Amino acid sequence: MSLKDRITAFENDAKILQRIASQYDETSTEYAALKHAAIALWYVPTSNYEAFKDYITEFEGDLTPEQRSHLTDLGIDPDRNPD
């Protein structure tokens, strides 16, 4: 996946967060958490673009066992194919 494709994926994630957030009242904790996630998603590539570019270019490895366990505990299947 090219860098442009990866950045597009991050932009698409932000749109999904916005769509999910719209299902909640703006005073809810869920809305606030999704808003914070969207801000973080935007902030990372804009505050230190080179570090962000390096991260998404080099991040190709698998998750550590601890990361996999954490995602599973959250109810997220780390092996699910998003496509």
PDB file of N, CA and C in Angstrom:
ATOM      1  N   MET A   1       0.853  -1.174   0.000  1.00  0.00           N
ATOM      2  CA  MET A   1       0.000   0.000   0.000  1.00  0.00           C
ATOM      3  C   MET A   1       0.894   1.230   0.000  1.00  0.00           C
ATOM      4  N   SER A   2       0.583   2.145  -0.895  1.00  0.00           N
ATOM      5  CA  SER A   2       1.399   3.350  -1.006  1.00  0.00           C
ATOM      6  C   SER A   2       1.114   4.296   0.151  1.00  0.00           C
ATOM      7  N   LEU A   3       2.017   5.271   0.320  1.00  0.00           N
ATOM      8  CA  LEU A   3       1.827   6.279   1.365  1.00  0.00           C
ATOM      9  C   LEU A   3       0.509   7.020   1.144  1.00  0.00           C
ATOM     10  N   LYS A   4       0.218   7.368  -0.101  1.00  0.00           N
ATOM     11  CA  LYS A   4      -1.036   8.068  -0.404  1.00  0.00           C
ATOM     12  C   LYS A   4      -2.233   7.214   0.007  1.00  0.00           C
ATOM     13  N   ASP A   5      -2.177   5.924  -0.273  1.00  0.00           N
ATOM     14  CA  ASP A   5      -3.263   5.020   0.109  1.00  0.00           C
ATOM     15  C   ASP A   5      -3.411   4.936   1.622  1.00  0.00           C
ATOM     16  N   ARG A   6      -2.300   4.937   2.322  1.00  0.00           N
ATOM     17  CA  ARG A   6      -2.346   4.861   3.777  1.00  0.00           C
ATOM     18  C   ARG A   6      -2.934   6.138   4.376  1.00  0.00           C
ATOM     19  N   ILE A   7      -2.567   7.278   3.836  1.00  0.00           N
ATOM     20  CA  ILE A   7      -3.128   8.539   4.324  1.00  0.00           C
ATOM     21  C   ILE A   7      -4.623   8.580   4.020  1.00  0.00           C
ATOM     22  N   THR A   8      -5.007   8.111   2.850  1.00  0.00           N
ATOM     23  CA  THR A   8      -6.430   8.040   2.507  1.00  0.00           C
ATOM     24  C   THR A   8      -7.168   7.141   3.492  1.00  0.00           C
ATOM     25  N   ALA A   9      -6.544   6.050   3.905  1.00  0.00           N
ATOM     26  CA  ALA A   9      -7.161   5.150   4.881  1.00  0.00           C
ATOM     27  C   ALA A   9      -7.393   5.869   6.205  1.00  0.00           C
ATOM     28  N   PHE A  10      -6.422   6.681   6.633  1.00  0.00           N
ATOM     29  CA  PHE A  10      -6.593   7.455   7.859  1.00  0.00           C
ATOM     30  C   PHE A  10      -7.740   8.458   7.705  1.00  0.00           C
ATOM     31  N   GLU A  11      -7.845   9.086   6.534  1.00  0.00           N
ATOM     32  CA  GLU A  11      -8.938  10.028   6.299  1.00  0.00           C
ATOM     33  C   GLU A  11     -10.284   9.306   6.333  1.00  0.00           C
ATOM     34  N   ASN A  12     -10.337   8.128   5.754  1.00  0.00           N
ATOM     35  CA  ASN A  12     -11.571   7.343   5.775  1.00  0.00           C
ATOM     36  C   ASN A  12     -11.942   6.948   7.198  1.00  0.00           C
ATOM     37  N   ASP A  13     -10.940   6.611   8.009  1.00  0.00           N
ATOM     38  CA  ASP A  13     -11.207   6.283   9.408  1.00  0.00           C
ATOM     39  C   ASP A  13     -11.838   7.473  10.125  1.00  0.00           C
ATOM     40  N   ALA A  14     -11.355   8.668   9.830  1.00  0.00           N
ATOM     41  CA  ALA A  14     -11.909   9.870  10.457  1.00  0.00           C
ATOM     42  C   ALA A  14     -13.376  10.049  10.067  1.00  0.00           C
ATOM     43  N   LYS A  15     -13.705   9.772   8.816  1.00  0.00           N
ATOM     44  CA  LYS A  15     -15.095   9.880   8.370  1.00  0.00           C
ATOM     45  C   LYS A  15     -15.974   8.858   9.092  1.00  0.00           C
ATOM     46  N   ILE A  16     -15.446   7.669   9.296  1.00  0.00           N
ATOM     47  CA  ILE A  16     -16.195   6.638  10.015  1.00  0.00           C
ATOM     48  C   ILE A  16     -16.425   7.064  11.455  1.00  0.00           C
ATOM     49  N   LEU A  17     -15.386   7.609  12.095  1.00  0.00           N
ATOM     50  CA  LEU A  17     -15.558   8.093  13.464  1.00  0.00           C
ATOM     51  C   LEU A  17     -16.633   9.175  13.528  1.00  0.00           C
ATOM     52  N   GLN A  18     -16.643  10.055  12.549  1.00  0.00           N
ATOM     53  CA  GLN A  18     -17.645  11.115  12.519  1.00  0.00           C
ATOM     54  C   GLN A  18     -19.039  10.526  12.370  1.00  0.00           C
ATOM     55  N   ARG A  19     -19.189   9.533  11.509  1.00  0.00           N
ATOM     56  CA  ARG A  19     -20.490   8.903  11.300  1.00  0.00           C
ATOM     57  C   ARG A  19     -20.967   8.208  12.581  1.00  0.00           C
ATOM     58  N   ILE A  20     -20.060   7.525  13.259  1.00  0.00           N
ATOM     59  CA  ILE A  20     -20.423   6.856  14.506  1.00  0.00           C
ATOM     60  C   ILE A  20     -20.791   7.890  15.567  1.00  0.00           C
ATOM     61  N   ALA A  21     -19.999   8.945  15.665  1.00  0.00           N
ATOM     62  CA  ALA A  21     -20.254   9.981  16.672  1.00  0.00           C
ATOM     63  C   ALA A  21     -21.633  10.621  16.474  1.00  0.00           C
ATOM     64  N   SER A  22     -22.073  10.732  15.243  1.00  0.00           N
ATOM     65  CA  SER A  22     -23.373  11.365  14.984  1.00  0.00           C
ATOM     66  C   SER A  22     -24.536  10.551  15.548  1.00  0.00           C
ATOM     67  N   GLN A  23     -24.285   9.321  15.946  1.00  0.00           N
ATOM     68  CA  GLN A  23     -25.333   8.477  16.526  1.00  0.00           C
ATOM     69  C   GLN A  23     -25.532   8.758  18.013  1.00  0.00           C
ATOM     70  N   TYR A  24     -24.658   9.579  18.582  1.00  0.00           N
ATOM     71  CA  TYR A  24     -24.716   9.877  20.015  1.00  0.00           C
ATOM     72  C   TYR A  24     -25.027  11.350  20.242  1.00  0.00           C
ATOM     73  N   ASP A  25     -25.606  11.636  21.390  1.00  0.00           N
ATOM     74  CA  ASP A  25     -25.821  13.005  21.809  1.00  0.00           C
ATOM     75  C   ASP A  25     -24.470  13.670  22.033  1.00  0.00           C
ATOM     76  N   GLU A  26     -24.351  14.932  21.673  1.00  0.00           N
ATOM     77  CA  GLU A  26     -23.065  15.629  21.788  1.00  0.00           C
ATOM     78  C   GLU A  26     -22.585  15.778  23.227  1.00  0.00           C
ATOM     79  N   THR A  27     -23.432  15.544  24.196  1.00  0.00           N
ATOM     80  CA  THR A  27     -23.024  15.625  25.602  1.00  0.00           C
ATOM     81  C   THR A  27     -22.637  14.262  26.177  1.00  0.00           C
ATOM     82  N   SER A  28     -22.704  13.208  25.367  1.00  0.00           N
ATOM     83  CA  SER A  28     -22.413  11.858  25.864  1.00  0.00           C
ATOM     84  C   SER A  28     -20.909  11.602  25.929  1.00  0.00           C
ATOM     85  N   THR A  29     -20.539  10.656  26.773  1.00  0.00           N
ATOM     86  CA  THR A  29     -19.121  10.273  26.877  1.00  0.00           C
ATOM     87  C   THR A  29     -18.661   9.571  25.609  1.00  0.00           C
ATOM     88  N   GLU A  30     -19.559   8.858  24.944  1.00  0.00           N
ATOM     89  CA  GLU A  30     -19.208   8.182  23.690  1.00  0.00           C
ATOM     90  C   GLU A  30     -18.847   9.203  22.606  1.00  0.00           C
ATOM     91  N   TYR A  31     -19.660  10.239  22.513  1.00  0.00           N
ATOM     92  CA  TYR A  31     -19.391  11.291  21.532  1.00  0.00           C
ATOM     93  C   TYR A  31     -18.045  11.953  21.823  1.00  0.00           C
ATOM     94  N   ALA A  32     -17.799  12.250  23.093  1.00  0.00           N
ATOM     95  CA  ALA A  32     -16.541  12.898  23.476  1.00  0.00           C
ATOM     96  C   ALA A  32     -15.347  12.009  23.136  1.00  0.00           C
ATOM     97  N   ALA A  33     -15.456  10.711  23.407  1.00  0.00           N
ATOM     98  CA  ALA A  33     -14.351   9.796  23.121  1.00  0.00           C
ATOM     99  C   ALA A  33     -14.079   9.710  21.625  1.00  0.00           C
ATOM    100  N   LEU A  34     -15.135   9.654  20.831  1.00  0.00           N
ATOM    101  CA  LEU A  34     -14.954   9.597  19.381  1.00  0.00           C
ATOM    102  C   LEU A  34     -14.385  10.906  18.845  1.00  0.00           C
ATOM    103  N   LYS A  35     -14.808  12.024  19.416  1.00  0.00           N
ATOM    104  CA  LYS A  35     -14.258  13.320  19.010  1.00  0.00           C
ATOM    105  C   LYS A  35     -12.762  13.381  19.330  1.00  0.00           C
ATOM    106  N   HIS A  36     -12.378  12.911  20.504  1.00  0.00           N
ATOM    107  CA  HIS A  36     -10.957  12.902  20.871  1.00  0.00           C
ATOM    108  C   HIS A  36     -10.159  12.001  19.930  1.00  0.00           C
ATOM    109  N   ALA A  37     -10.719  10.857  19.582  1.00  0.00           N
ATOM    110  CA  ALA A  37     -10.038   9.951  18.654  1.00  0.00           C
ATOM    111  C   ALA A  37      -9.851  10.614  17.291  1.00  0.00           C
ATOM    112  N   ALA A  38     -10.870  11.302  16.820  1.00  0.00           N
ATOM    113  CA  ALA A  38     -10.773  11.985  15.528  1.00  0.00           C
ATOM    114  C   ALA A  38      -9.731  13.099  15.564  1.00  0.00           C
ATOM    115  N   ILE A  39      -9.700  13.838  16.669  1.00  0.00           N
ATOM    116  CA  ILE A  39      -8.699  14.908  16.804  1.00  0.00           C
ATOM    117  C   ILE A  39      -7.296  14.310  16.806  1.00  0.00           C
ATOM    118  N   ALA A  40      -7.112  13.216  17.542  1.00  0.00           N
ATOM    119  CA  ALA A  40      -5.796  12.562  17.578  1.00  0.00           C
ATOM    120  C   ALA A  40      -5.409  12.052  16.201  1.00  0.00           C
ATOM    121  N   LEU A  41      -6.373  11.498  15.487  1.00  0.00           N
ATOM    122  CA  LEU A  41      -6.114  10.982  14.146  1.00  0.00           C
ATOM    123  C   LEU A  41      -5.667  12.111  13.213  1.00  0.00           C
ATOM    124  N   TRP A  42      -6.242  13.283  13.379  1.00  0.00           N
ATOM    125  CA  TRP A  42      -5.851  14.434  12.570  1.00  0.00           C
ATOM    126  C   TRP A  42      -4.523  15.016  13.051  1.00  0.00           C
ATOM    127  N   TYR A  43      -4.332  15.071  14.369  1.00  0.00           N
ATOM    128  CA  TYR A  43      -3.175  15.740  14.943  1.00  0.00           C
ATOM    129  C   TYR A  43      -1.864  15.047  14.583  1.00  0.00           C
ATOM    130  N   VAL A  44      -1.860  13.745  14.605  1.00  0.00           N
ATOM    131  CA  VAL A  44      -0.614  13.003  14.386  1.00  0.00           C
ATOM    132  C   VAL A  44       0.047  13.371  13.056  1.00  0.00           C
ATOM    133  N   PRO A  45      -0.651  13.293  11.927  1.00  0.00           N
ATOM    134  CA  PRO A  45       0.045  13.609  10.679  1.00  0.00           C
ATOM    135  C   PRO A  45       0.307  15.088  10.474  1.00  0.00           C
ATOM    136  N   THR A  46      -0.411  15.957  11.177  1.00  0.00           N
ATOM    137  CA  THR A  46      -0.211  17.385  10.951  1.00  0.00           C
ATOM    138  C   THR A  46       0.847  17.984  11.858  1.00  0.00           C
ATOM    139  N   SER A  47       1.071  17.378  13.032  1.00  0.00           N
ATOM    140  CA  SER A  47       2.032  17.977  13.957  1.00  0.00           C
ATOM    141  C   SER A  47       3.462  17.554  13.678  1.00  0.00           C
ATOM    142  N   ASN A  48       3.649  16.338  13.217  1.00  0.00           N
ATOM    143  CA  ASN A  48       4.992  15.855  12.911  1.00  0.00           C
ATOM    144  C   ASN A  48       4.886  14.926  11.714  1.00  0.00           C
ATOM    145  N   TYR A  49       4.702  15.526  10.553  1.00  0.00           N
ATOM    146  CA  TYR A  49       4.435  14.750   9.351  1.00  0.00           C
ATOM    147  C   TYR A  49       5.519  13.724   9.059  1.00  0.00           C
ATOM    148  N   GLU A  50       6.765  14.095   9.222  1.00  0.00           N
ATOM    149  CA  GLU A  50       7.849  13.155   8.908  1.00  0.00           C
ATOM    150  C   GLU A  50       7.798  11.923   9.806  1.00  0.00           C
ATOM    151  N   ALA A  51       7.557  12.112  11.096  1.00  0.00           N
ATOM    152  CA  ALA A  51       7.457  10.968  12.006  1.00  0.00           C
ATOM    153  C   ALA A  51       6.251  10.117  11.636  1.00  0.00           C
ATOM    154  N   PHE A  52       5.152  10.764  11.271  1.00  0.00           N
ATOM    155  CA  PHE A  52       3.959  10.035  10.851  1.00  0.00           C
ATOM    156  C   PHE A  52       4.242   9.230   9.588  1.00  0.00           C
ATOM    157  N   LYS A  53       4.890   9.865   8.625  1.00  0.00           N
ATOM    158  CA  LYS A  53       5.221   9.185   7.374  1.00  0.00           C
ATOM    159  C   LYS A  53       6.119   7.981   7.646  1.00  0.00           C
ATOM    160  N   ASP A  54       7.115   8.156   8.501  1.00  0.00           N
ATOM    161  CA  ASP A  54       7.993   7.037   8.859  1.00  0.00           C
ATOM    162  C   ASP A  54       7.208   5.913   9.508  1.00  0.00           C
ATOM    163  N   TYR A  55       6.300   6.279  10.403  1.00  0.00           N
ATOM    164  CA  TYR A  55       5.509   5.270  11.111  1.00  0.00           C
ATOM    165  C   TYR A  55       4.666   4.448  10.142  1.00  0.00           C
ATOM    166  N   ILE A  56       3.898   5.114   9.273  1.00  0.00           N
ATOM    167  CA  ILE A  56       3.025   4.350   8.397  1.00  0.00           C
ATOM    168  C   ILE A  56       3.790   3.650   7.276  1.00  0.00           C
ATOM    169  N   THR A  57       4.986   4.109   6.984  1.00  0.00           N
ATOM    170  CA  THR A  57       5.802   3.433   5.986  1.00  0.00           C
ATOM    171  C   THR A  57       6.446   2.178   6.568  1.00  0.00           C
ATOM    172  N   GLU A  58       6.871   2.264   7.812  1.00  0.00           N
ATOM    173  CA  GLU A  58       7.601   1.157   8.422  1.00  0.00           C
ATOM    174  C   GLU A  58       6.714   0.188   9.192  1.00  0.00           C
ATOM    175  N   PHE A  59       5.484   0.571   9.516  1.00  0.00           N
ATOM    176  CA  PHE A  59       4.625  -0.299  10.308  1.00  0.00           C
ATOM    177  C   PHE A  59       4.040  -1.373   9.421  1.00  0.00           C
ATOM    178  N   GLU A  60       4.713  -2.471   9.357  1.00  0.00           N
ATOM    179  CA  GLU A  60       4.255  -3.591   8.549  1.00  0.00           C
ATOM    180  C   GLU A  60       4.197  -4.867   9.372  1.00  0.00           C
ATOM    181  N   GLY A  61       4.743  -4.811  10.577  1.00  0.00           N
ATOM    182  CA  GLY A  61       4.836  -6.020  11.380  1.00  0.00           C
ATOM    183  C   GLY A  61       3.526  -6.414  12.024  1.00  0.00           C
ATOM    184  N   ASP A  62       3.529  -7.620  12.566  1.00  0.00           N
ATOM    185  CA  ASP A  62       2.365  -8.129  13.260  1.00  0.00           C
ATOM    186  C   ASP A  62       2.304  -7.532  14.657  1.00  0.00           C
ATOM    187  N   LEU A  63       1.169  -7.661  15.282  1.00  0.00           N
ATOM    188  CA  LEU A  63       0.994  -7.192  16.651  1.00  0.00           C
ATOM    189  C   LEU A  63       1.736  -8.103  17.622  1.00  0.00           C
ATOM    190  N   THR A  64       2.150  -7.531  18.735  1.00  0.00           N
ATOM    191  CA  THR A  64       2.762  -8.345  19.778  1.00  0.00           C
ATOM    192  C   THR A  64       1.657  -9.158  20.448  1.00  0.00           C
ATOM    193  N   PRO A  65       2.013 -10.222  21.147  1.00  0.00           N
ATOM    194  CA  PRO A  65       0.985 -10.996  21.858  1.00  0.00           C
ATOM    195  C   PRO A  65       0.188 -10.131  22.839  1.00  0.00           C
ATOM    196  N   GLU A  66       0.843  -9.176  23.478  1.00  0.00           N
ATOM    197  CA  GLU A  66       0.155  -8.293  24.412  1.00  0.00           C
ATOM    198  C   GLU A  66      -0.862  -7.405  23.686  1.00  0.00           C
ATOM    199  N   GLN A  67      -0.474  -6.876  22.529  1.00  0.00           N
ATOM    200  CA  GLN A  67      -1.386  -6.042  21.754  1.00  0.00           C
ATOM    201  C   GLN A  67      -2.587  -6.856  21.270  1.00  0.00           C
ATOM    202  N   ARG A  68      -2.331  -8.070  20.811  1.00  0.00           N
ATOM    203  CA  ARG A  68      -3.410  -8.938  20.348  1.00  0.00           C
ATOM    204  C   ARG A  68      -4.382  -9.231  21.489  1.00  0.00           C
ATOM    205  N   SER A  69      -3.837  -9.538  22.648  1.00  0.00           N
ATOM    206  CA  SER A  69      -4.661  -9.843  23.811  1.00  0.00           C
ATOM    207  C   SER A  69      -5.507  -8.636  24.206  1.00  0.00           C
ATOM    208  N   HIS A  70      -4.891  -7.463  24.180  1.00  0.00           N
ATOM    209  CA  HIS A  70      -5.612  -6.233  24.547  1.00  0.00           C
ATOM    210  C   HIS A  70      -6.776  -5.990  23.591  1.00  0.00           C
ATOM    211  N   LEU A  71      -6.538  -6.130  22.295  1.00  0.00           N
ATOM    212  CA  LEU A  71      -7.607  -5.935  21.320  1.00  0.00           C
ATOM    213  C   LEU A  71      -8.723  -6.952  21.518  1.00  0.00           C
ATOM    214  N   THR A  72      -8.350  -8.191  21.761  1.00  0.00           N
ATOM    215  CA  THR A  72      -9.342  -9.235  21.993  1.00  0.00           C
ATOM    216  C   THR A  72     -10.168  -8.914  23.233  1.00  0.00           C
ATOM    217  N   ASP A  73      -9.511  -8.437  24.283  1.00  0.00           N
ATOM    218  CA  ASP A  73     -10.224  -8.046  25.509  1.00  0.00           C
ATOM    219  C   ASP A  73     -11.229  -6.923  25.241  1.00  0.00           C
ATOM    220  N   LEU A  74     -10.926  -6.072  24.262  1.00  0.00           N
ATOM    221  CA  LEU A  74     -11.816  -4.968  23.901  1.00  0.00           C
ATOM    222  C   LEU A  74     -12.932  -5.413  22.954  1.00  0.00           C
ATOM    223  N   GLY A  75     -12.884  -6.693  22.566  1.00  0.00           N
ATOM    224  CA  GLY A  75     -13.895  -7.210  21.643  1.00  0.00           C
ATOM    225  C   GLY A  75     -13.556  -6.969  20.190  1.00  0.00           C
ATOM    226  N   ILE A  76     -12.298  -6.691  19.899  1.00  0.00           N
ATOM    227  CA  ILE A  76     -11.846  -6.427  18.534  1.00  0.00           C
ATOM    228  C   ILE A  76     -11.065  -7.645  18.044  1.00  0.00           C
ATOM    229  N   ASP A  77     -11.448  -8.163  16.885  1.00  0.00           N
ATOM    230  CA  ASP A  77     -10.744  -9.303  16.309  1.00  0.00           C
ATOM    231  C   ASP A  77      -9.554  -8.784  15.511  1.00  0.00           C
ATOM    232  N   PRO A  78      -8.323  -8.979  15.994  1.00  0.00           N
ATOM    233  CA  PRO A  78      -7.161  -8.433  15.287  1.00  0.00           C
ATOM    234  C   PRO A  78      -6.892  -9.116  13.948  1.00  0.00           C
ATOM    235  N   ASP A  79      -7.554 -10.240  13.676  1.00  0.00           N
ATOM    236  CA  ASP A  79      -7.338 -10.950  12.424  1.00  0.00           C
ATOM    237  C   ASP A  79      -8.424 -10.680  11.382  1.00  0.00           C
ATOM    238  N   ARG A  80      -9.396  -9.843  11.754  1.00  0.00           N
ATOM    239  CA  ARG A  80     -10.480  -9.530  10.818  1.00  0.00           C
ATOM    240  C   ARG A  80      -9.939  -8.695   9.675  1.00  0.00           C
ATOM    241  N   ASN A  81     -10.297  -9.081   8.483  1.00  0.00           N
ATOM    242  CA  ASN A  81      -9.891  -8.338   7.286  1.00  0.00           C
ATOM    243  C   ASN A  81     -10.898  -7.223   7.059  1.00  0.00           C
ATOM    244  N   PRO A  82     -10.458  -5.958   7.067  1.00  0.00           N
ATOM    245  CA  PRO A  82     -11.407  -4.840   6.929  1.00  0.00           C
ATOM    246  C   PRO A  82     -12.038  -4.743   5.548  1.00  0.00           C
ATOM    247  N   ASP A  83     -11.520  -5.452   4.577  1.00  0.00           N
ATOM    248  CA  ASP A  83     -12.081  -5.345   3.215  1.00  0.00           C
ATOM    249  C   ASP A  83     -13.224  -6.249   3.010  1.00  0.00           C
TER     250      ASP A  83
END
